[in-house]
C-alpha atoms as a PDB file:
ATOM      1  CA  MET A   1       0.000   0.000   0.000  1.00  0.00           C
ATOM      2  CA  GLY A   2       2.936   2.328   0.682  1.00  0.00           C
ATOM      3  CA  LYS A   3       4.078   2.289  -2.932  1.00  0.00           C
ATOM      4  CA  VAL A   4       0.560   2.835  -4.236  1.00  0.00           C
ATOM      5  CA  PHE A   5       0.030   5.726  -1.834  1.00  0.00           C
ATOM      6  CA  ASP A   6       3.319   7.306  -2.893  1.00  0.00           C
ATOM      7  CA  GLU A   7       2.237   7.105  -6.517  1.00  0.00           C
ATOM      8  CA  GLU A   8      -1.117   8.646  -5.645  1.00  0.00           C
ATOM      9  CA  ILE A   9       0.623  11.508  -3.842  1.00  0.00           C
ATOM     10  CA  VAL A  10       2.795  12.206  -6.871  1.00  0.00           C
ATOM     11  CA  THR A  11      -0.314  12.363  -9.067  1.00  0.00           C
ATOM     12  CA  LEU A  12      -2.156  14.554  -6.567  1.00  0.00           C
ATOM     13  CA  LYS A  13       0.780  16.980  -6.368  1.00  0.00           C
ATOM     14  CA  ALA A  14       0.972  17.105 -10.155  1.00  0.00           C
ATOM     15  CA  ASP A  15      -2.719  17.969 -10.368  1.00  0.00           C
ATOM     16  CA  PHE A  16      -2.277  20.637  -7.706  1.00  0.00           C
ATOM     17  CA  MET A  17       0.618  22.239  -9.550  1.00  0.00           C
ATOM     18  CA  LYS A  18      -1.370  22.064 -12.788  1.00  0.00           C
ATOM     19  CA  LEU A  19      -4.188  23.931 -11.058  1.00  0.00           C
ATOM     20  CA  GLY A  20      -1.649  26.412  -9.731  1.00  0.00           C
ATOM     21  CA  ALA A  21      -0.416  27.048 -13.260  1.00  0.00           C
ATOM     22  CA  LEU A  22      -3.956  27.491 -14.599  1.00  0.00           C
ATOM     23  CA  VAL A  23      -4.786  30.022 -11.904  1.00  0.00           C
ATOM     24  CA  GLY A  24      -1.472  31.818 -12.406  1.00  0.00           C
ATOM     25  CA  GLU A  25      -2.229  32.115 -16.100  1.00  0.00           C
ATOM     26  CA  ALA A  26      -5.703  33.445 -15.309  1.00  0.00           C
ATOM     27  CA  VAL A  27      -4.325  36.058 -12.892  1.00  0.00           C
ATOM     28  CA  ALA A  28      -1.710  37.265 -15.378  1.00  0.00           C
ATOM     29  CA  ASN A  29      -4.083  37.290 -18.349  1.00  0.00           C
ATOM     30  CA  ALA A  30      -6.903  38.992 -16.466  1.00  0.00           C
ATOM     31  CA  GLY A  31      -4.614  41.814 -15.377  1.00  0.00           C
ATOM     32  CA  GLN A  32      -3.141  42.179 -18.844  1.00  0.00           C
ATOM     33  CA  ALA A  33      -6.592  42.132 -20.431  1.00  0.00           C
ATOM     34  CA  PHE A  34      -7.721  44.978 -18.183  1.00  0.00           C
ATOM     35  CA  ILE A  35      -4.610  47.031 -18.891  1.00  0.00           C
ATOM     36  CA  ASP A  36      -4.783  46.433 -22.648  1.00  0.00           C
ATOM     37  CA  HIS A  37      -8.583  46.830 -22.851  1.00  0.00           C
ATOM     38  CA  ASP A  38      -8.546  43.362 -24.431  1.00  0.00           C
ATOM     39  CA  THR A  39     -12.085  41.989 -24.217  1.00  0.00           C
ATOM     40  CA  HIS A  40     -11.208  38.829 -26.149  1.00  0.00           C
ATOM     41  CA  LYS A  41      -8.538  37.868 -23.612  1.00  0.00           C
ATOM     42  CA  ALA A  42     -10.939  38.731 -20.796  1.00  0.00           C
ATOM     43  CA  GLU A  43     -13.609  36.457 -22.244  1.00  0.00           C
ATOM     44  CA  THR A  44     -11.042  33.648 -22.499  1.00  0.00           C
ATOM     45  CA  VAL A  45     -10.217  34.037 -18.792  1.00  0.00           C
ATOM     46  CA  ILE A  46     -13.912  33.828 -17.933  1.00  0.00           C
ATOM     47  CA  THR A  47     -14.401  30.738 -20.102  1.00  0.00           C
ATOM     48  CA  ASN A  48     -11.339  28.978 -18.686  1.00  0.00           C
ATOM     49  CA  ASP A  49     -12.607  29.434 -15.127  1.00  0.00           C
ATOM     50  CA  HIS A  50     -14.732  26.316 -15.654  1.00  0.00           C
ATOM     51  CA  ALA A  51     -11.583  24.228 -16.089  1.00  0.00           C
ATOM     52  CA  ILE A  52     -10.190  25.644 -12.843  1.00  0.00           C
ATOM     53  CA  ASN A  53     -13.365  24.778 -10.936  1.00  0.00           C
ATOM     54  CA  HIS A  54     -13.491  21.282 -12.428  1.00  0.00           C
ATOM     55  CA  LEU A  55      -9.891  20.490 -11.482  1.00  0.00           C
ATOM     56  CA  GLN A  56     -10.370  21.903  -7.983  1.00  0.00           C
ATOM     57  CA  ILE A  57     -13.334  19.598  -7.391  1.00  0.00           C
ATOM     58  CA  HIS A  58     -11.354  16.623  -8.707  1.00  0.00           C
ATOM     59  CA  ILE A  59      -8.415  17.344  -6.375  1.00  0.00           C
ATOM     60  CA  GLU A  60     -10.667  17.774  -3.348  1.00  0.00           C
ATOM     61  CA  LYS A  61     -12.546  14.571  -4.099  1.00  0.00           C
ATOM     62  CA  ARG A  62      -9.354  12.576  -4.574  1.00  0.00           C
ATOM     63  CA  SER A  63      -7.832  14.019  -1.386  1.00  0.00           C
ATOM     64  CA  PHE A  64     -10.820  12.901   0.694  1.00  0.00           C
ATOM     65  CA  GLU A  65     -10.749   9.478  -0.976  1.00  0.00           C
ATOM     66  CA  MET A  66      -7.056   9.054  -0.173  1.00  0.00           C
ATOM     67  CA  ILE A  67      -7.569   9.970   3.470  1.00  0.00           C
ATOM     68  CA  ALA A  68     -10.456   7.497   3.771  1.00  0.00           C
ATOM     69  CA  LEU A  69      -8.744   4.699   1.818  1.00  0.00           C
ATOM     70  CA  TYR A  70      -5.173   4.883   3.110  1.00  0.00           C
ATOM     71  CA  GLN A  71      -5.633   6.596   6.489  1.00  0.00           C
ATOM     72  CA  PRO A  72      -2.219   8.293   6.219  1.00  0.00           C
ATOM     73  CA  VAL A  73      -0.429   9.579   9.316  1.00  0.00           C
ATOM     74  CA  THR A  74       2.160  12.265  10.161  1.00  0.00           C
ATOM     75  CA  GLY A  75       4.013  13.515   7.085  1.00  0.00           C
ATOM     76  CA  ASP A  76       1.862  11.661   4.571  1.00  0.00           C
ATOM     77  CA  LEU A  77      -1.318  13.040   6.087  1.00  0.00           C
ATOM     78  CA  ARG A  78       0.205  16.518   6.138  1.00  0.00           C
ATOM     79  CA  GLU A  79       0.850  16.393   2.411  1.00  0.00           C
ATOM     80  CA  VAL A  80      -2.737  15.467   1.604  1.00  0.00           C
ATOM     81  CA  VAL A  81      -4.257  17.948   4.070  1.00  0.00           C
ATOM     82  CA  GLY A  82      -1.946  20.703   2.820  1.00  0.00           C
ATOM     83  CA  ILE A  83      -3.135  20.198  -0.736  1.00  0.00           C
ATOM     84  CA  LEU A  84      -6.748  19.926   0.385  1.00  0.00           C
ATOM     85  CA  LYS A  85      -6.502  23.264   2.187  1.00  0.00           C
ATOM     86  CA  ALA A  86      -4.383  25.099  -0.381  1.00  0.00           C
ATOM     87  CA  VAL A  87      -6.539  24.076  -3.340  1.00  0.00           C
ATOM     88  CA  THR A  88      -9.372  26.222  -1.973  1.00  0.00           C
ATOM     89  CA  ASP A  89      -7.113  29.268  -1.992  1.00  0.00           C
ATOM     90  CA  LEU A  90      -6.148  28.568  -5.598  1.00  0.00           C
ATOM     91  CA  GLU A  91      -9.764  28.335  -6.695  1.00  0.00           C
ATOM     92  CA  ARG A  92     -10.668  31.569  -4.922  1.00  0.00           C
ATOM     93  CA  ALA A  93      -7.717  33.362  -6.516  1.00  0.00           C
ATOM     94  CA  GLY A  94      -9.069  32.125  -9.834  1.00  0.00           C
ATOM     95  CA  ASP A  95     -12.476  33.585  -8.981  1.00  0.00           C
ATOM     96  CA  HIS A  96     -10.909  37.004  -8.470  1.00  0.00           C
ATOM     97  CA  ALA A  97      -9.066  36.714 -11.781  1.00  0.00           C
ATOM     98  CA  ARG A  98     -12.430  36.029 -13.381  1.00  0.00           C
ATOM     99  CA  ASN A  99     -13.866  39.113 -11.636  1.00  0.00           C
ATOM    100  CA  ILE A 100     -11.077  41.264 -13.095  1.00  0.00           C
ATOM    101  CA  ALA A 101     -11.841  39.858 -16.540  1.00  0.00           C
ATOM    102  CA  ARG A 102     -15.501  40.766 -16.073  1.00  0.00           C
ATOM    103  CA  SER A 103     -14.443  44.276 -15.079  1.00  0.00           C
ATOM    104  CA  THR A 104     -12.593  44.524 -18.402  1.00  0.00           C
ATOM    105  CA  LEU A 105     -15.904  43.955 -20.152  1.00  0.00           C
ATOM    106  CA  SER A 106     -17.804  46.318 -17.837  1.00  0.00           C
ATOM    107  CA  ILE A 107     -15.485  49.289 -18.341  1.00  0.00           C
ATOM    108  CA  LYS A 108     -15.537  49.018 -22.121  1.00  0.00           C
ATOM    109  CA  GLY A 109     -16.635  52.374 -23.568  1.00  0.00           C
ATOM    110  CA  GLN A 110     -16.424  54.148 -20.209  1.00  0.00           C
ATOM    111  CA  PRO A 111     -14.176  57.192 -19.575  1.00  0.00           C
ATOM    112  CA  ARG A 112     -10.765  56.144 -18.286  1.00  0.00           C
ATOM    113  CA  ILE A 113      -8.167  57.592 -15.920  1.00  0.00           C
ATOM    114  CA  ALA A 114      -4.743  56.864 -17.387  1.00  0.00           C
ATOM    115  CA  THR A 115      -2.814  57.527 -14.174  1.00  0.00           C
ATOM    116  CA  VAL A 116      -4.949  55.074 -12.196  1.00  0.00           C
ATOM    117  CA  GLU A 117      -4.655  52.425 -14.889  1.00  0.00           C
ATOM    118  CA  SER A 118      -0.885  52.811 -14.793  1.00  0.00           C
ATOM    119  CA  ILE A 119      -0.907  51.951 -11.081  1.00  0.00           C
ATOM    120  CA  ILE A 120      -3.247  49.027 -11.730  1.00  0.00           C
ATOM    121  CA  ALA A 121      -0.713  47.773 -14.280  1.00  0.00           C
ATOM    122  CA  SER A 122       2.045  47.864 -11.647  1.00  0.00           C
ATOM    123  CA  MET A 123      -0.165  46.233  -9.032  1.00  0.00           C
ATOM    124  CA  SER A 124      -1.221  43.503 -11.437  1.00  0.00           C
ATOM    125  CA  LYS A 125       2.405  42.730 -12.286  1.00  0.00           C
ATOM    126  CA  ASP A 126       3.440  42.510  -8.642  1.00  0.00           C
ATOM    127  CA  VAL A 127       0.420  40.393  -7.671  1.00  0.00           C
ATOM    128  CA  SER A 128       1.120  37.986 -10.523  1.00  0.00           C
ATOM    129  CA  GLU A 129       4.775  37.699  -9.524  1.00  0.00           C
ATOM    130  CA  GLN A 130       3.838  37.150  -5.876  1.00  0.00           C
ATOM    131  CA  TYR A 131       1.418  34.417  -6.865  1.00  0.00           C
ATOM    132  CA  ASP A 132       4.023  32.672  -9.035  1.00  0.00           C
ATOM    133  CA  ASP A 133       6.616  32.827  -6.249  1.00  0.00           C
ATOM    134  CA  SER A 134       4.094  31.435  -3.768  1.00  0.00           C
ATOM    135  CA  ILE A 135       3.252  28.472  -5.987  1.00  0.00           C
ATOM    136  CA  SER A 136       6.943  27.876  -6.612  1.00  0.00           C
ATOM    137  CA  SER A 137       7.667  27.843  -2.877  1.00  0.00           C
ATOM    138  CA  TYR A 138       4.864  25.326  -2.341  1.00  0.00           C
ATOM    139  CA  GLY A 139       6.098  23.052  -5.104  1.00  0.00           C
ATOM    140  CA  GLU A 140       9.569  23.075  -3.552  1.00  0.00           C
ATOM    141  CA  ALA A 141       8.268  22.928   0.048  1.00  0.00           C
ATOM    142  CA  ASP A 142      10.620  25.873   0.630  1.00  0.00           C
ATOM    143  CA  GLN A 143       9.537  27.587   3.837  1.00  0.00           C
ATOM    144  CA  ASP A 144      12.261  30.237   3.633  1.00  0.00           C
ATOM    145  CA  LYS A 145      11.134  31.272   0.167  1.00  0.00           C
ATOM    146  CA  ALA A 146       7.530  31.290   1.368  1.00  0.00           C
ATOM    147  CA  LYS A 147       8.335  33.593   4.273  1.00  0.00           C
ATOM    148  CA  GLU A 148      10.416  35.902   2.078  1.00  0.00           C
ATOM    149  CA  THR A 149       7.693  36.081  -0.583  1.00  0.00           C
ATOM    150  CA  ALA A 150       4.962  36.998   1.882  1.00  0.00           C
ATOM    151  CA  LYS A 151       7.159  39.646   3.505  1.00  0.00           C
ATOM    152  CA  ARG A 152       8.408  41.161   0.244  1.00  0.00           C
ATOM    153  CA  TYR A 153       5.001  41.875  -1.258  1.00  0.00           C
ATOM    154  CA  ASP A 154       2.866  42.742   1.764  1.00  0.00           C
ATOM    155  CA  LYS A 155       3.442  46.491   1.968  1.00  0.00           C
ATOM    156  CA  VAL A 156       3.969  46.826  -1.786  1.00  0.00           C
ATOM    157  CA  ILE A 157       0.485  45.536  -2.601  1.00  0.00           C
ATOM    158  CA  GLU A 158      -1.067  47.613   0.171  1.00  0.00           C
ATOM    159  CA  LYS A 159       0.561  50.765  -1.230  1.00  0.00           C
ATOM    160  CA  HIS A 160      -0.671  49.984  -4.736  1.00  0.00           C
ATOM    161  CA  TYR A 161      -4.207  49.636  -3.419  1.00  0.00           C
ATOM    162  CA  ASN A 162      -4.076  52.954  -1.584  1.00  0.00           C
ATOM    163  CA  ASP A 163      -2.560  54.665  -4.623  1.00  0.00           C
ATOM    164  CA  ILE A 164      -5.484  53.445  -6.719  1.00  0.00           C
ATOM    165  CA  ALA A 165      -8.204  54.167  -4.164  1.00  0.00           C
ATOM    166  CA  ALA A 166      -7.309  57.786  -3.392  1.00  0.00           C
ATOM    167  CA  PRO A 167      -7.491  59.203  -6.952  1.00  0.00           C
ATOM    168  CA  SER A 168     -10.513  57.036  -7.738  1.00  0.00           C
ATOM    169  CA  TYR A 169     -12.496  58.532  -4.869  1.00  0.00           C
ATOM    170  CA  GLN A 170     -11.274  62.004  -5.786  1.00  0.00           C
ATOM    171  CA  ALA A 171     -12.365  61.527  -9.390  1.00  0.00           C
ATOM    172  CA  MET A 172     -15.833  60.435  -8.308  1.00  0.00           C
ATOM    173  CA  ALA A 173     -16.197  63.556  -6.177  1.00  0.00           C
ATOM    174  CA  LYS A 174     -15.237  65.855  -9.061  1.00  0.00           C
ATOM    175  CA  ASP A 175     -16.929  64.269 -12.062  1.00  0.00           C
ATOM    176  CA  SER A 176     -20.147  62.226 -12.020  1.00  0.00           C
ATOM    177  CA  GLU A 177     -19.335  60.783 -15.439  1.00  0.00           C
ATOM    178  CA  ILE A 178     -16.293  58.980 -14.052  1.00  0.00           C
ATOM    179  CA  VAL A 179     -18.140  57.297 -11.168  1.00  0.00           C
ATOM    180  CA  ASN A 180     -18.731  53.954 -12.912  1.00  0.00           C
ATOM    181  CA  SER A 181     -15.118  53.713 -14.057  1.00  0.00           C
ATOM    182  CA  ALA A 182     -13.783  54.657 -10.631  1.00  0.00           C
ATOM    183  CA  ILE A 183     -15.926  51.990  -8.968  1.00  0.00           C
ATOM    184  CA  ILE A 184     -14.558  49.427 -11.408  1.00  0.00           C
ATOM    185  CA  TYR A 185     -10.995  50.539 -10.599  1.00  0.00           C
ATOM    186  CA  LEU A 186     -11.701  50.046  -6.901  1.00  0.00           C
ATOM    187  CA  ASN A 187     -13.169  46.617  -7.557  1.00  0.00           C
ATOM    188  CA  VAL A 188     -10.149  45.557  -9.611  1.00  0.00           C
ATOM    189  CA  ALA A 189      -7.809  46.790  -6.868  1.00  0.00           C
ATOM    190  CA  LYS A 190      -9.798  44.779  -4.305  1.00  0.00           C
ATOM    191  CA  ASP A 191      -9.680  41.675  -6.476  1.00  0.00           C
ATOM    192  CA  LEU A 192      -5.924  42.017  -6.917  1.00  0.00           C
ATOM    193  CA  SER A 193      -5.541  42.488  -3.161  1.00  0.00           C
ATOM    194  CA  ARG A 194      -7.498  39.306  -2.538  1.00  0.00           C
ATOM    195  CA  VAL A 195      -5.295  37.359  -4.956  1.00  0.00           C
ATOM    196  CA  SER A 196      -2.336  38.652  -2.953  1.00  0.00           C
ATOM    197  CA  ASP A 197      -3.992  37.460   0.258  1.00  0.00           C
ATOM    198  CA  TYR A 198      -4.507  33.983  -1.163  1.00  0.00           C
ATOM    199  CA  SER A 199      -0.892  33.922  -2.305  1.00  0.00           C
ATOM    200  CA  THR A 200       0.103  34.610   1.286  1.00  0.00           C
ATOM    201  CA  ASN A 201      -2.151  31.747   2.359  1.00  0.00           C
ATOM    202  CA  ILE A 202      -0.279  29.472  -0.037  1.00  0.00           C
ATOM    203  CA  CYS A 203       2.953  30.557   1.626  1.00  0.00           C
ATOM    204  CA  GLU A 204       1.448  29.641   5.002  1.00  0.00           C
ATOM    205  CA  TRP A 205       0.488  26.184   3.693  1.00  0.00           C
ATOM    206  CA  THR A 206       4.026  25.815   2.385  1.00  0.00           C
ATOM    207  CA  ILE A 207       5.321  26.284   5.918  1.00  0.00           C
ATOM    208  CA  TYR A 208       2.749  23.775   7.178  1.00  0.00           C
ATOM    209  CA  LEU A 209       3.900  21.310   4.522  1.00  0.00           C
ATOM    210  CA  ALA A 210       7.538  21.755   5.533  1.00  0.00           C
ATOM    211  CA  THR A 211       7.139  21.867   9.309  1.00  0.00           C
ATOM    212  CA  GLY A 212       3.651  20.771  10.333  1.00  0.00           C
ATOM    213  CA  LYS A 213       3.118  24.159  11.975  1.00  0.00           C
ATOM    214  CA  ILE A 214       0.224  26.452  11.137  1.00  0.00           C
ATOM    215  CA  ILE A 215       1.354  30.065  11.316  1.00  0.00           C
ATOM    216  CA  GLU A 216      -0.015  33.391  10.134  1.00  0.00           C
ATOM    217  CA  LEU A 217       2.234  35.523   7.934  1.00  0.00           C
ATOM    218  CA  ASN A 218       1.933  39.334   7.794  1.00  0.00           C
END
């Protein structure tokens, strides 16, 4: 049974990393679609969200089956539970990527604020890089990289959000015609912030995978 379980774990990890790559692609493409005003790319992100949800359900189902069938203990159990917990964060990050893609469609034809969109571009880039580093740390079970990733991006993402929110609120106060666009900017900033939060969660699950300890970063 040990050999069979080991093979199952390898397959489960591969599926998890595949899901991680799908979500990472969605996060990057959603941000780029918004920046480029690319509705076709946005629609592709929305369509591909079904594949993310399907794979998430498959991983969760298989994780529960493995726990029931093999009754793993200590390190083996930790690997399955870690994936079971982290997969939810991946799926939710994918949901926020989908929301950003929907915002790309919603803002089409609306007045734009170039300076705010420039900050969104920077925030999107940093959030995407943070996500990729988080997934990489999990795949390598590298707790030091996980800690460094969470620390490096925490204040950066918070500053981006504040830099987007302030001019958006100011624009709404000055010009009623910009209200819809400003609300969309705020929503996109919130979605990017949530992706960042889920990336931090992945870093926390990386530490759990490596040490068995549940800690809160940032």
